[in-house]
C-alpha atoms as a PDB file:
ATOM      1  CA  MET A   1     168.263 134.750  -7.509  1.00  0.00           C
ATOM      2  CA  LYS A   2     166.063 132.037  -9.329  1.00  0.00           C
ATOM      3  CA  LYS A   3     168.911 129.648  -7.627  1.00  0.00           C
ATOM      4  CA  LYS A   4     168.479 131.171  -4.217  1.00  0.00           C
ATOM      5  CA  ILE A   5     164.555 130.875  -4.432  1.00  0.00           C
ATOM      6  CA  ALA A   6     164.689 126.959  -6.084  1.00  0.00           C
ATOM      7  CA  SER A   7     167.280 126.203  -3.148  1.00  0.00           C
ATOM      8  CA  ILE A   8     164.999 127.626  -0.233  1.00  0.00           C
ATOM      9  CA  CYS A   9     162.267 125.981  -1.958  1.00  0.00           C
ATOM     10  CA  THR A  10     163.720 122.834  -2.205  1.00  0.00           C
ATOM     11  CA  LEU A  11     164.930 123.052   2.027  1.00  0.00           C
ATOM     12  CA  LEU A  12     161.270 124.030   2.808  1.00  0.00           C
ATOM     13  CA  ALA A  13     159.870 121.053   1.122  1.00  0.00           C
ATOM     14  CA  CYS A  14     162.781 118.542   2.948  1.00  0.00           C
ATOM     15  CA  ILE A  15     161.955 119.842   6.362  1.00  0.00           C
ATOM     16  CA  ALA A  16     158.054 119.634   5.484  1.00  0.00           C
ATOM     17  CA  ALA A  17     158.607 115.408   4.069  1.00  0.00           C
ATOM     18  CA  PHE A  18     161.136 115.109   7.577  1.00  0.00           C
ATOM     19  CA  ALA A  19     158.136 116.230  10.237  1.00  0.00           C
ATOM     20  CA  ALA A  20     155.913 114.168   8.380  1.00  0.00           C
ATOM     21  CA  CYS A  21     157.925 110.979   8.857  1.00  0.00           C
ATOM     22  CA  GLY A  22     157.157 111.540  12.761  1.00  0.00           C
ATOM     23  CA  ASN A  23     155.715 108.794  14.724  1.00  0.00           C
ATOM     24  CA  ASP A  24     152.131 110.211  15.420  1.00  0.00           C
ATOM     25  CA  ASP A  25     150.400 106.501  15.333  1.00  0.00           C
ATOM     26  CA  GLY A  26     149.105 106.874  19.302  1.00  0.00           C
ATOM     27  CA  ASP A  27     150.452 103.741  19.963  1.00  0.00           C
ATOM     28  CA  ALA A  28     149.435 103.257  24.209  1.00  0.00           C
ATOM     29  CA  GLY A  29     153.003 101.998  24.777  1.00  0.00           C
ATOM     30  CA  SER A  30     155.091 104.844  22.687  1.00  0.00           C
ATOM     31  CA  VAL A  31     157.150 106.735  25.107  1.00  0.00           C
ATOM     32  CA  GLY A  32     159.392 109.730  23.898  1.00  0.00           C
ATOM     33  CA  TRP A  33     162.689 110.314  25.294  1.00  0.00           C
ATOM     34  CA  ILE A  34     163.180 108.485  28.603  1.00  0.00           C
ATOM     35  CA  ASP A  35     166.597 109.257  30.461  1.00  0.00           C
ATOM     36  CA  VAL A  36     168.023 107.493  33.154  1.00  0.00           C
ATOM     37  CA  LYS A  37     169.871 109.187  35.752  1.00  0.00           C
ATOM     38  CA  ASN A  38     171.609 108.844  39.159  1.00  0.00           C
ATOM     39  CA  VAL A  39     172.804 105.274  39.385  1.00  0.00           C
ATOM     40  CA  TYR A  40     173.845 103.756  42.166  1.00  0.00           C
ATOM     41  CA  THR A  41     174.758  99.857  43.167  1.00  0.00           C
ATOM     42  CA  THR A  42     175.120  98.621  46.655  1.00  0.00           C
ATOM     43  CA  GLY A  43     177.996  95.820  45.744  1.00  0.00           C
ATOM     44  CA  CYS A  44     178.068  92.814  46.839  1.00  0.00           C
ATOM     45  CA  LYS A  45     175.441  92.433  49.743  1.00  0.00           C
ATOM     46  CA  THR A  46     176.722  89.361  51.258  1.00  0.00           C
ATOM     47  CA  THR A  47     180.139  87.735  52.049  1.00  0.00           C
ATOM     48  CA  GLU A  48     179.317  84.446  51.112  1.00  0.00           C
ATOM     49  CA  ALA A  49     179.490  84.534  47.329  1.00  0.00           C
ATOM     50  CA  ALA A  50     178.163  81.273  45.429  1.00  0.00           C
ATOM     51  CA  ASP A  51     180.135  79.495  43.065  1.00  0.00           C
ATOM     52  CA  ALA A  52     178.322  80.623  39.529  1.00  0.00           C
ATOM     53  CA  SER A  53     175.536  77.725  38.380  1.00  0.00           C
ATOM     54  CA  PRO A  54     171.780  78.076  37.150  1.00  0.00           C
ATOM     55  CA  LYS A  55     171.065  77.172  41.388  1.00  0.00           C
ATOM     56  CA  THR A  56     172.353  80.139  42.882  1.00  0.00           C
ATOM     57  CA  ARG A  57     169.287  82.368  42.543  1.00  0.00           C
ATOM     58  CA  SER A  58     167.209  79.727  44.903  1.00  0.00           C
ATOM     59  CA  HIS A  59     170.542  79.672  46.878  1.00  0.00           C
ATOM     60  CA  PHE A  60     170.068  83.463  47.485  1.00  0.00           C
ATOM     61  CA  GLU A  61     166.881  83.474  47.839  1.00  0.00           C
ATOM     62  CA  ASP A  62     167.035  80.640  51.075  1.00  0.00           C
ATOM     63  CA  MET A  63     169.235  83.403  52.554  1.00  0.00           C
ATOM     64  CA  GLY A  64     166.601  85.861  52.135  1.00  0.00           C
ATOM     65  CA  TYR A  65     168.003  87.844  49.222  1.00  0.00           C
ATOM     66  CA  LYS A  66     164.507  87.214  47.102  1.00  0.00           C
ATOM     67  CA  GLU A  67     164.820  89.068  43.888  1.00  0.00           C
ATOM     68  CA  TYR A  68     162.158  91.845  43.194  1.00  0.00           C
ATOM     69  CA  VAL A  69     162.047  95.360  41.461  1.00  0.00           C
ATOM     70  CA  GLU A  70     159.723  98.296  43.440  1.00  0.00           C
ATOM     71  CA  TYR A  71     159.484 101.943  41.557  1.00  0.00           C
ATOM     72  CA  THR A  72     158.066 105.091  43.249  1.00  0.00           C
ATOM     73  CA  SER A  73     157.050 108.107  41.096  1.00  0.00           C
ATOM     74  CA  LYS A  74     158.719 111.236  42.110  1.00  0.00           C
ATOM     75  CA  ASP A  75     157.374 114.771  41.392  1.00  0.00           C
ATOM     76  CA  ASN A  76     159.936 115.990  39.118  1.00  0.00           C
ATOM     77  CA  GLY A  77     158.676 113.425  36.292  1.00  0.00           C
ATOM     78  CA  TYR A  78     160.758 111.083  36.925  1.00  0.00           C
ATOM     79  CA  VAL A  79     160.431 107.328  38.533  1.00  0.00           C
ATOM     80  CA  HIS A  80     162.831 105.993  41.485  1.00  0.00           C
ATOM     81  CA  VAL A  81     163.244 102.281  40.450  1.00  0.00           C
ATOM     82  CA  THR A  82     165.575  99.820  42.542  1.00  0.00           C
ATOM     83  CA  HIS A  83     166.744  95.969  41.413  1.00  0.00           C
ATOM     84  CA  HIS A  84     167.004  94.191  44.731  1.00  0.00           C
ATOM     85  CA  ASN A  85     169.231  91.572  45.063  1.00  0.00           C
ATOM     86  CA  ALA A  86     170.174  91.363  41.399  1.00  0.00           C
ATOM     87  CA  LEU A  87     172.663  88.487  40.966  1.00  0.00           C
ATOM     88  CA  PHE A  88     176.150  90.028  39.126  1.00  0.00           C
ATOM     89  CA  ASN A  89     179.845  88.401  38.981  1.00  0.00           C
ATOM     90  CA  CYS A  90     180.610  88.691  42.888  1.00  0.00           C
ATOM     91  CA  CYS A  91     183.851  90.757  41.885  1.00  0.00           C
ATOM     92  CA  SER A  92     181.907  93.537  39.724  1.00  0.00           C
ATOM     93  CA  ASP A  93     182.160  96.752  40.828  1.00  0.00           C
ATOM     94  CA  VAL A  94     180.662  98.783  38.868  1.00  0.00           C
ATOM     95  CA  ILE A  95     176.816  97.920  37.245  1.00  0.00           C
ATOM     96  CA  ASP A  96     176.016 100.235  34.333  1.00  0.00           C
ATOM     97  CA  VAL A  97     172.394 100.937  33.375  1.00  0.00           C
ATOM     98  CA  ASP A  98     171.822 101.763  30.136  1.00  0.00           C
ATOM     99  CA  VAL A  99     167.780 102.412  28.754  1.00  0.00           C
ATOM    100  CA  SER A 100     166.476 101.990  25.042  1.00  0.00           C
ATOM    101  CA  GLN A 101     162.960 101.728  23.718  1.00  0.00           C
ATOM    102  CA  GLY A 102     161.841  98.658  21.711  1.00  0.00           C
ATOM    103  CA  LEU A 103     157.865  97.875  20.747  1.00  0.00           C
ATOM    104  CA  GLY A 104     156.655 100.188  23.268  1.00  0.00           C
ATOM    105  CA  SER A 105     158.420  99.227  25.743  1.00  0.00           C
ATOM    106  CA  ILE A 106     161.384 101.222  27.905  1.00  0.00           C
ATOM    107  CA  ILE A 107     164.196  98.594  27.958  1.00  0.00           C
ATOM    108  CA  VAL A 108     166.246  98.926  31.133  1.00  0.00           C
ATOM    109  CA  THR A 109     169.677  96.787  30.901  1.00  0.00           C
ATOM    110  CA  GLU A 110     171.674  96.469  33.550  1.00  0.00           C
ATOM    111  CA  THR A 111     175.354  95.487  32.887  1.00  0.00           C
ATOM    112  CA  GLU A 112     178.589  94.827  35.208  1.00  0.00           C
ATOM    113  CA  ASN A 113     182.175  95.316  34.110  1.00  0.00           C
ATOM    114  CA  HIS A 114     184.302  92.644  33.208  1.00  0.00           C
ATOM    115  CA  TYR A 115     187.569  94.299  34.666  1.00  0.00           C
ATOM    116  CA  ALA A 116     187.615  91.446  36.991  1.00  0.00           C
ATOM    117  CA  GLU A 117     186.605  88.111  35.854  1.00  0.00           C
ATOM    118  CA  CYS A 118     185.264  85.745  39.020  1.00  0.00           C
ATOM    119  CA  ASN A 119     183.708  82.148  39.071  1.00  0.00           C
ATOM    120  CA  CYS A 120     181.048  83.188  41.313  1.00  0.00           C
ATOM    121  CA  ILE A 121     177.956  85.617  42.001  1.00  0.00           C
ATOM    122  CA  CYS A 122     176.053  87.460  44.620  1.00  0.00           C
ATOM    123  CA  PRO A 123     173.362  89.906  44.859  1.00  0.00           C
ATOM    124  CA  PHE A 124     173.615  93.473  44.705  1.00  0.00           C
ATOM    125  CA  ASP A 125     170.976  96.525  44.452  1.00  0.00           C
ATOM    126  CA  VAL A 126     170.706  98.258  41.208  1.00  0.00           C
ATOM    127  CA  SER A 127     168.919 101.802  41.669  1.00  0.00           C
ATOM    128  CA  PHE A 128     168.407 104.492  39.189  1.00  0.00           C
ATOM    129  CA  GLU A 129     165.849 107.343  37.838  1.00  0.00           C
ATOM    130  CA  LEU A 130     163.820 106.815  34.758  1.00  0.00           C
ATOM    131  CA  GLY A 131     162.296 110.013  33.292  1.00  0.00           C
ATOM    132  CA  PRO A 132     160.673 112.512  32.447  1.00  0.00           C
ATOM    133  CA  MET A 133     157.324 110.687  32.593  1.00  0.00           C
ATOM    134  CA  GLU A 134     153.653 112.319  31.603  1.00  0.00           C
ATOM    135  CA  THR A 135     151.277 112.350  33.832  1.00  0.00           C
ATOM    136  CA  GLY A 136     148.560 109.867  33.419  1.00  0.00           C
ATOM    137  CA  HIS A 137     150.425 107.808  30.656  1.00  0.00           C
ATOM    138  CA  GLU A 138     151.121 104.237  30.688  1.00  0.00           C
ATOM    139  CA  TYR A 139     154.771 103.308  30.414  1.00  0.00           C
ATOM    140  CA  ASN A 140     155.745  99.184  29.593  1.00  0.00           C
ATOM    141  CA  VAL A 141     159.305  98.981  31.400  1.00  0.00           C
ATOM    142  CA  VAL A 142     161.548  95.735  30.830  1.00  0.00           C
ATOM    143  CA  ILE A 143     164.534  95.083  33.236  1.00  0.00           C
ATOM    144  CA  LYS A 144     167.420  93.032  31.600  1.00  0.00           C
ATOM    145  CA  SER A 145     170.506  91.506  33.738  1.00  0.00           C
ATOM    146  CA  GLY A 146     173.199  89.757  31.859  1.00  0.00           C
ATOM    147  CA  GLY A 147     171.217  89.474  28.566  1.00  0.00           C
ATOM    148  CA  THR A 148     168.232  88.066  30.180  1.00  0.00           C
ATOM    149  CA  GLN A 149     165.189  89.630  31.069  1.00  0.00           C
ATOM    150  CA  GLN A 150     164.265  90.051  34.846  1.00  0.00           C
ATOM    151  CA  ALA A 151     161.414  91.925  34.922  1.00  0.00           C
ATOM    152  CA  SER A 152     158.287  93.565  33.254  1.00  0.00           C
ATOM    153  CA  PHE A 153     155.797  95.777  34.547  1.00  0.00           C
ATOM    154  CA  SER A 154     153.472  98.229  33.348  1.00  0.00           C
ATOM    155  CA  PHE A 155     152.275 101.501  35.243  1.00  0.00           C
ATOM    156  CA  THR A 156     150.565 104.739  34.690  1.00  0.00           C
ATOM    157  CA  TYR A 157     152.687 107.627  36.139  1.00  0.00           C
ATOM    158  CA  PRO A 158     152.460 108.866  39.085  1.00  0.00           C
ATOM    159  CA  SER A 159     152.580 105.811  40.928  1.00  0.00           C
ATOM    160  CA  SER A 160     154.267 102.991  42.427  1.00  0.00           C
ATOM    161  CA  GLY A 161     154.909  99.385  43.084  1.00  0.00           C
ATOM    162  CA  LYS A 162     156.600  96.242  43.509  1.00  0.00           C
ATOM    163  CA  VAL A 163     156.938  93.244  41.145  1.00  0.00           C
ATOM    164  CA  GLU A 164     158.576  90.104  42.014  1.00  0.00           C
ATOM    165  CA  VAL A 165     161.045  88.268  39.664  1.00  0.00           C
ATOM    166  CA  SER A 166     161.059  84.541  39.513  1.00  0.00           C
ATOM    167  CA  GLU A 167     163.073  81.748  37.654  1.00  0.00           C
END
């Protein structure tokens, strides 16, 4: 009986210690669990793919494919985000979107598949929903494509906006 009581006391002490380890420092940029869902990509938006080179972004801008991010809050606690004219491998047929947290930001990583390697790029639209968000809370979002930060913006839920991506 004494062993059971000692085991229960040890278990309760461990639970109390674990609960005390939570992050309650009140950081304005801290976020709870944020998920990504309803990912959709357009595929290559033009029949003219460009050879991969540092100057291809301006090549597509000259053709009217300016890169930007739009976001719009939805009633269900999610934010619909579209990364317009993101440049990816022209042979990619799937763009994956993952979300993580880092230093008070929601980090969205867009990754193309590597099933088909080509030496050309073209613009894609990548859409997804992030959430759930809390009303009145400020969120910092960083979007990365191909390992490079493409856009960074902050918003208070609910809201909407547009962020231009520049070199």
